[in-house]
């Protein structure tokens, strides 16, 4: 981030070239725990510049390992998924790699992708997808698995699998129709249409759309702002809220209310709940510990 701020005044073409050189020297996934006032925010940076962050078998396993790490990190409060490659979030599955796979291995790979998206969706803490640039196929499916999505106005998104005579296989046919009008979701999938960030916002696919900046990271910066809004709140409460929402959406309203009740019950004995009440009475900012 310091690099971005220090080079904003140089020509955009030179900036992008410098970022690409730095990206090529980094691993496929950069895992970062922010510190200071941003402690609790974890950032996953996708970094396969030559492949446009395509989801290879190796990258999928790296993301899964990183998600597992967050699951057991008591300090983690929010995760932000972003790209370190200018102009692209994720171009989808690595089709060059897939072309070398035996037919029987393709199904296993797609099942692994589906498992990855489920793991993102089920992560105990909120996940924000920062879509700066291209998000096609599996890239959009990954964004759909996030709790909150932010897109740059010039981002390009689409479930384009029908162009390759296949269908979205990592949750796209299920998550998109649950997010927007099912008839509109069908149209987007059948036509393999690619839309920009503004259209995605109007359809309700993303929560926020922002004008892209000269650094190409406007969606990421907005995502950080959202993460900072979440940080001060009770971490156990946020986790329980996510669980109640996700589980409740899978059942009828009556069963959902029972799930909400069970999640609320887990908060009653926490130290954070007592701290929240005491801070309210003392008219001060609460200091939550996650206990």
Protein backbone atom coordinates (compact mmCIF):
# COMPACT_ATOMS: atom_id res chain seq x y z
CA UNK A 1 0.00 0.00 0.00
CA UNK A 2 2.90 2.36 0.78
CA UNK A 3 4.26 1.72 -2.71
CA UNK A 4 0.94 2.70 -4.26
CA UNK A 5 0.79 5.95 -2.36
CA UNK A 6 4.36 6.90 -3.23
CA UNK A 7 4.02 6.44 -6.99
CA UNK A 8 0.60 7.90 -7.69
CA UNK A 9 2.12 10.94 -9.44
CA UNK A 10 4.09 8.97 -12.04
CA UNK A 11 2.47 8.16 -15.42
CA UNK A 12 -0.08 5.35 -15.17
CA UNK A 13 1.77 3.22 -17.79
CA UNK A 14 5.01 3.36 -15.80
CA UNK A 15 3.15 2.61 -12.58
CA UNK A 16 1.53 -0.49 -14.04
CA UNK A 17 4.88 -1.71 -15.38
CA UNK A 18 6.47 -1.32 -11.96
CA UNK A 19 3.61 -3.15 -10.25
CA UNK A 20 3.89 -6.01 -12.75
CA UNK A 21 7.61 -6.39 -12.07
CA UNK A 22 6.97 -6.53 -8.34
CA UNK A 23 4.06 -8.97 -8.84
CA UNK A 24 6.20 -11.37 -10.81
CA UNK A 25 8.60 -11.65 -7.87
CA UNK A 26 5.84 -12.56 -5.40
CA UNK A 27 4.09 -15.91 -4.76
CA UNK A 28 0.73 -16.72 -6.37
CA UNK A 29 -1.09 -15.77 -3.16
CA UNK A 30 0.13 -13.03 -0.81
CA UNK A 31 -1.27 -13.42 2.72
CA UNK A 32 -1.17 -10.24 4.78
CA UNK A 33 -2.24 -9.45 8.34
CA UNK A 34 -2.70 -5.69 8.56
CA UNK A 35 -1.49 -3.99 11.72
CA UNK A 36 -1.96 -0.85 13.75
CA UNK A 37 -5.52 0.47 13.59
CA UNK A 38 -6.26 -2.16 10.91
CA UNK A 39 -5.27 -5.11 13.07
CA UNK A 40 -7.80 -7.88 12.50
CA UNK A 41 -8.06 -7.31 8.75
CA UNK A 42 -6.56 -10.13 6.69
CA UNK A 43 -5.88 -9.56 3.00
CA UNK A 44 -5.51 -12.27 0.36
CA UNK A 45 -3.72 -10.89 -2.69
CA UNK A 46 -4.05 -12.93 -5.89
CA UNK A 47 -0.85 -12.71 -7.88
CA UNK A 48 -0.57 -14.65 -11.15
CA UNK A 49 0.00 -11.78 -13.59
CA UNK A 50 0.79 -13.86 -16.68
CA UNK A 51 -2.29 -16.04 -16.12
CA UNK A 52 -4.59 -13.17 -15.07
CA UNK A 53 -4.99 -14.80 -11.65
CA UNK A 54 -6.53 -17.90 -13.24
CA UNK A 55 -7.42 -20.55 -10.67
CA UNK A 56 -4.84 -23.30 -11.08
CA UNK A 57 -4.80 -26.38 -8.86
CA UNK A 58 -1.88 -24.87 -6.99
CA UNK A 59 -3.57 -21.51 -6.37
CA UNK A 60 -6.77 -23.22 -5.22
CA UNK A 61 -4.81 -25.19 -2.61
CA UNK A 62 -3.00 -22.04 -1.47
CA UNK A 63 -6.30 -20.21 -0.97
CA UNK A 64 -7.77 -23.16 0.91
CA UNK A 65 -4.75 -23.25 3.22
CA UNK A 66 -5.03 -19.52 3.82
CA UNK A 67 -8.73 -19.86 4.65
CA UNK A 68 -7.92 -22.65 7.08
CA UNK A 69 -5.35 -20.38 8.72
CA UNK A 70 -7.95 -17.64 9.18
CA UNK A 71 -10.46 -20.11 10.64
CA UNK A 72 -8.13 -20.82 13.57
CA UNK A 73 -6.86 -17.24 13.99
CA UNK A 74 -8.68 -15.68 16.94
CA UNK A 75 -7.37 -12.24 15.94
CA UNK A 76 -8.87 -12.33 12.42
CA UNK A 77 -12.01 -10.17 12.15
CA UNK A 78 -12.49 -9.55 8.40
CA UNK A 79 -10.96 -10.99 5.21
CA UNK A 80 -10.56 -8.98 2.01
CA UNK A 81 -9.96 -10.78 -1.30
CA UNK A 82 -8.15 -8.59 -3.83
CA UNK A 83 -5.87 -8.73 -6.84
CA UNK A 84 -2.26 -7.58 -7.00
CA UNK A 85 -2.43 -7.68 -10.81
CA UNK A 86 -3.62 -4.45 -12.47
CA UNK A 87 -6.88 -4.73 -14.41
CA UNK A 88 -7.91 -8.20 -13.31
CA UNK A 89 -9.53 -9.79 -10.24
CA UNK A 90 -9.64 -13.37 -11.51
CA UNK A 91 -10.11 -14.61 -15.08
CA UNK A 92 -11.63 -17.92 -13.91
CA UNK A 93 -10.25 -21.43 -14.04
CA UNK A 94 -6.84 -22.00 -15.59
CA UNK A 95 -8.03 -23.43 -18.91
CA UNK A 96 -4.51 -24.10 -20.17
CA UNK A 97 -3.89 -26.30 -17.17
CA UNK A 98 -7.30 -27.92 -17.52
CA UNK A 99 -6.62 -28.79 -21.17
CA UNK A 100 -3.79 -31.06 -19.98
CA UNK A 101 -5.98 -32.91 -17.48
CA UNK A 102 -7.39 -36.38 -18.21
CA UNK A 103 -11.18 -36.35 -18.47
CA UNK A 104 -11.65 -38.08 -15.11
CA UNK A 105 -9.51 -35.46 -13.40
CA UNK A 106 -11.58 -32.53 -14.65
CA UNK A 107 -14.55 -33.47 -12.46
CA UNK A 108 -12.29 -33.68 -9.41
CA UNK A 109 -10.81 -30.27 -10.17
CA UNK A 110 -14.24 -28.66 -10.52
CA UNK A 111 -15.33 -30.32 -7.28
CA UNK A 112 -12.27 -28.75 -5.66
CA UNK A 113 -13.29 -25.34 -7.00
CA UNK A 114 -16.80 -25.82 -5.63
CA UNK A 115 -15.31 -26.79 -2.27
CA UNK A 116 -13.17 -23.63 -2.30
CA UNK A 117 -16.20 -21.40 -2.86
CA UNK A 118 -18.07 -23.17 -0.05
CA UNK A 119 -15.08 -22.63 2.23
CA UNK A 120 -15.10 -18.89 1.44
CA UNK A 121 -18.85 -18.69 2.04
CA UNK A 122 -18.61 -20.64 5.32
CA UNK A 123 -15.59 -18.82 6.75
CA UNK A 124 -16.55 -17.73 10.29
CA UNK A 125 -15.63 -14.08 9.66
CA UNK A 126 -17.00 -11.72 6.97
CA UNK A 127 -15.32 -11.86 3.56
CA UNK A 128 -15.26 -8.84 1.25
CA UNK A 129 -14.50 -9.28 -2.45
CA UNK A 130 -12.71 -6.30 -4.03
CA UNK A 131 -13.31 -6.60 -7.77
CA UNK A 132 -10.83 -4.32 -9.51
CA UNK A 133 -10.92 -5.48 -13.13
CA UNK A 134 -11.86 -8.72 -14.85
CA UNK A 135 -13.92 -11.32 -12.93
CA UNK A 136 -15.09 -14.07 -15.26
CA UNK A 137 -16.37 -17.59 -14.67
CA UNK A 138 -14.76 -18.94 -11.52
CA UNK A 139 -13.53 -15.44 -10.72
CA UNK A 140 -17.09 -14.15 -10.45
CA UNK A 141 -18.13 -17.31 -8.61
CA UNK A 142 -15.45 -16.54 -6.03
CA UNK A 143 -16.81 -13.01 -5.64
CA UNK A 144 -20.34 -14.42 -5.29
CA UNK A 145 -19.14 -16.60 -2.41
CA UNK A 146 -18.10 -13.49 -0.48
CA UNK A 147 -20.40 -11.80 2.03
CA UNK A 148 -19.94 -8.36 0.50
CA UNK A 149 -18.78 -7.33 -2.97
CA UNK A 150 -17.27 -4.05 -4.12
CA UNK A 151 -16.60 -3.39 -7.82
CA UNK A 152 -14.79 -0.70 -9.71
CA UNK A 153 -16.96 0.98 -12.31
CA UNK A 154 -14.80 -0.41 -15.13
CA UNK A 155 -14.74 -3.97 -13.78
CA UNK A 156 -15.95 -6.67 -16.19
CA UNK A 157 -17.98 -9.54 -14.74
CA UNK A 158 -19.74 -12.52 -16.19
CA UNK A 159 -20.48 -16.23 -15.94
CA UNK A 160 -19.22 -17.02 -19.43
CA UNK A 161 -18.99 -20.79 -19.23
CA UNK A 162 -21.64 -21.50 -21.89
CA UNK A 163 -19.23 -20.07 -24.47
CA UNK A 164 -17.09 -23.14 -23.75
CA UNK A 165 -20.07 -25.51 -23.85
CA UNK A 166 -20.07 -25.96 -20.06
CA UNK A 167 -21.97 -24.38 -17.15
CA UNK A 168 -20.78 -22.56 -14.03
CA UNK A 169 -19.66 -25.42 -11.82
CA UNK A 170 -18.39 -23.69 -8.69
CA UNK A 171 -21.69 -22.37 -7.36
CA UNK A 172 -22.61 -19.81 -10.01
CA UNK A 173 -25.91 -21.46 -11.00
CA UNK A 174 -26.99 -21.45 -7.34
CA UNK A 175 -25.58 -18.29 -5.78
CA UNK A 176 -26.43 -15.82 -8.55
CA UNK A 177 -30.18 -16.72 -8.73
CA UNK A 178 -30.36 -16.42 -4.94
CA UNK A 179 -28.79 -12.99 -5.08
CA UNK A 180 -30.81 -11.38 -7.88
CA UNK A 181 -34.00 -11.99 -9.87
CA UNK A 182 -33.71 -15.63 -11.00
CA UNK A 183 -34.93 -14.76 -14.50
CA UNK A 184 -32.19 -12.15 -14.83
CA UNK A 185 -29.62 -14.63 -13.53
CA UNK A 186 -30.76 -17.12 -16.16
CA UNK A 187 -30.39 -14.53 -18.89
CA UNK A 188 -26.87 -13.66 -17.79
CA UNK A 189 -25.83 -17.32 -17.64
CA UNK A 190 -27.54 -18.40 -20.88
CA UNK A 191 -26.07 -15.49 -22.85
CA UNK A 192 -22.65 -15.53 -21.13
CA UNK A 193 -23.02 -11.76 -21.00
CA UNK A 194 -20.22 -9.65 -19.50
CA UNK A 195 -21.33 -6.54 -17.58
CA UNK A 196 -19.46 -3.68 -15.96
CA UNK A 197 -19.42 -2.62 -12.32
CA UNK A 198 -22.26 -0.14 -12.73
CA UNK A 199 -24.58 -2.72 -14.26
CA UNK A 200 -23.62 -5.24 -11.56
CA UNK A 201 -24.56 -2.68 -8.89
CA UNK A 202 -27.89 -1.92 -10.55
CA UNK A 203 -28.72 -5.63 -10.64
CA UNK A 204 -27.75 -6.09 -6.99
CA UNK A 205 -24.72 -8.31 -7.70
CA UNK A 206 -22.36 -5.96 -5.87
CA UNK A 207 -22.97 -3.84 -2.77
CA UNK A 208 -20.92 -0.86 -3.92
CA UNK A 209 -19.51 0.49 -7.18
CA UNK A 210 -16.68 3.01 -7.16
CA UNK A 211 -14.93 5.02 -9.87
CA UNK A 212 -11.57 3.46 -10.66
CA UNK A 213 -8.49 5.44 -9.64
CA UNK A 214 -5.07 5.82 -11.28
CA UNK A 215 -3.65 3.03 -9.12
CA UNK A 216 -6.31 0.53 -10.20
CA UNK A 217 -7.26 -0.40 -6.63
CA UNK A 218 -10.39 1.68 -5.94
CA UNK A 219 -12.52 -1.36 -5.04
CA UNK A 220 -9.84 -2.57 -2.65
CA UNK A 221 -9.63 0.79 -0.88
CA UNK A 222 -13.44 0.89 -0.53
CA UNK A 223 -13.32 -2.68 0.82
CA UNK A 224 -10.83 -1.58 3.45
CA UNK A 225 -13.22 1.18 4.48
CA UNK A 226 -15.98 -1.39 4.93
CA UNK A 227 -13.68 -3.70 6.88
CA UNK A 228 -12.80 -0.78 9.18
CA UNK A 229 -16.52 -0.26 9.87
CA UNK A 230 -16.78 -3.90 10.97
CA UNK A 231 -13.64 -3.94 13.16
CA UNK A 232 -14.99 -2.01 16.20
CA UNK A 233 -17.98 -4.31 16.62
CA UNK A 234 -18.09 -7.38 18.82
CA UNK A 235 -16.18 -10.08 16.91
CA UNK A 236 -18.18 -12.98 18.35
CA UNK A 237 -21.42 -11.13 17.56
CA UNK A 238 -20.34 -10.60 13.94
CA UNK A 239 -19.45 -14.29 13.62
CA UNK A 240 -22.81 -15.33 15.09
CA UNK A 241 -24.66 -12.92 12.82
CA UNK A 242 -22.97 -14.46 9.78
CA UNK A 243 -23.81 -17.96 10.97
CA UNK A 244 -27.45 -17.07 11.67
CA UNK A 245 -27.87 -15.45 8.25
CA UNK A 246 -26.12 -18.16 6.24
CA UNK A 247 -27.79 -21.08 7.99
CA UNK A 248 -31.17 -19.37 8.21
CA UNK A 249 -31.31 -18.73 4.47
CA UNK A 250 -31.17 -22.47 3.86
CA UNK A 251 -34.35 -23.28 5.79
CA UNK A 252 -37.89 -21.97 6.34
CA UNK A 253 -38.46 -18.84 8.45
CA UNK A 254 -39.51 -20.77 11.55
CA UNK A 255 -36.37 -22.89 11.48
CA UNK A 256 -34.34 -19.77 10.73
CA UNK A 257 -35.68 -18.06 13.84
CA UNK A 258 -34.66 -21.09 15.88
CA UNK A 259 -31.13 -20.78 14.44
CA UNK A 260 -31.10 -17.08 15.36
CA UNK A 261 -32.17 -17.93 18.91
CA UNK A 262 -29.40 -20.50 19.24
CA UNK A 263 -26.80 -18.05 17.96
CA UNK A 264 -28.04 -15.33 20.31
CA UNK A 265 -27.86 -17.74 23.26
CA UNK A 266 -24.14 -18.23 22.61
CA UNK A 267 -23.57 -14.50 23.07
CA UNK A 268 -25.30 -14.11 26.43
CA UNK A 269 -22.44 -15.50 28.58
CA UNK A 270 -19.66 -13.68 26.69
CA UNK A 271 -17.42 -11.04 28.26
CA UNK A 272 -17.93 -8.91 25.16
CA UNK A 273 -21.67 -8.62 25.83
CA UNK A 274 -20.99 -7.41 29.35
CA UNK A 275 -18.37 -4.98 28.05
CA UNK A 276 -20.84 -3.62 25.50
CA UNK A 277 -23.45 -2.91 28.17
CA UNK A 278 -20.91 -1.37 30.53
CA UNK A 279 -19.43 0.84 27.79
CA UNK A 280 -22.93 2.01 26.84
CA UNK A 281 -23.71 2.98 30.44
CA UNK A 282 -20.35 4.73 30.83
CA UNK A 283 -20.70 6.50 27.46
CA UNK A 284 -17.36 5.23 26.15
CA UNK A 285 -16.09 3.14 23.27
CA UNK A 286 -16.21 -0.60 24.07
CA UNK A 287 -13.00 -2.61 24.07
CA UNK A 288 -13.94 -6.04 22.75
CA UNK A 289 -11.61 -9.03 23.13
CA UNK A 290 -13.58 -11.72 21.35
CA UNK A 291 -14.33 -13.58 24.59
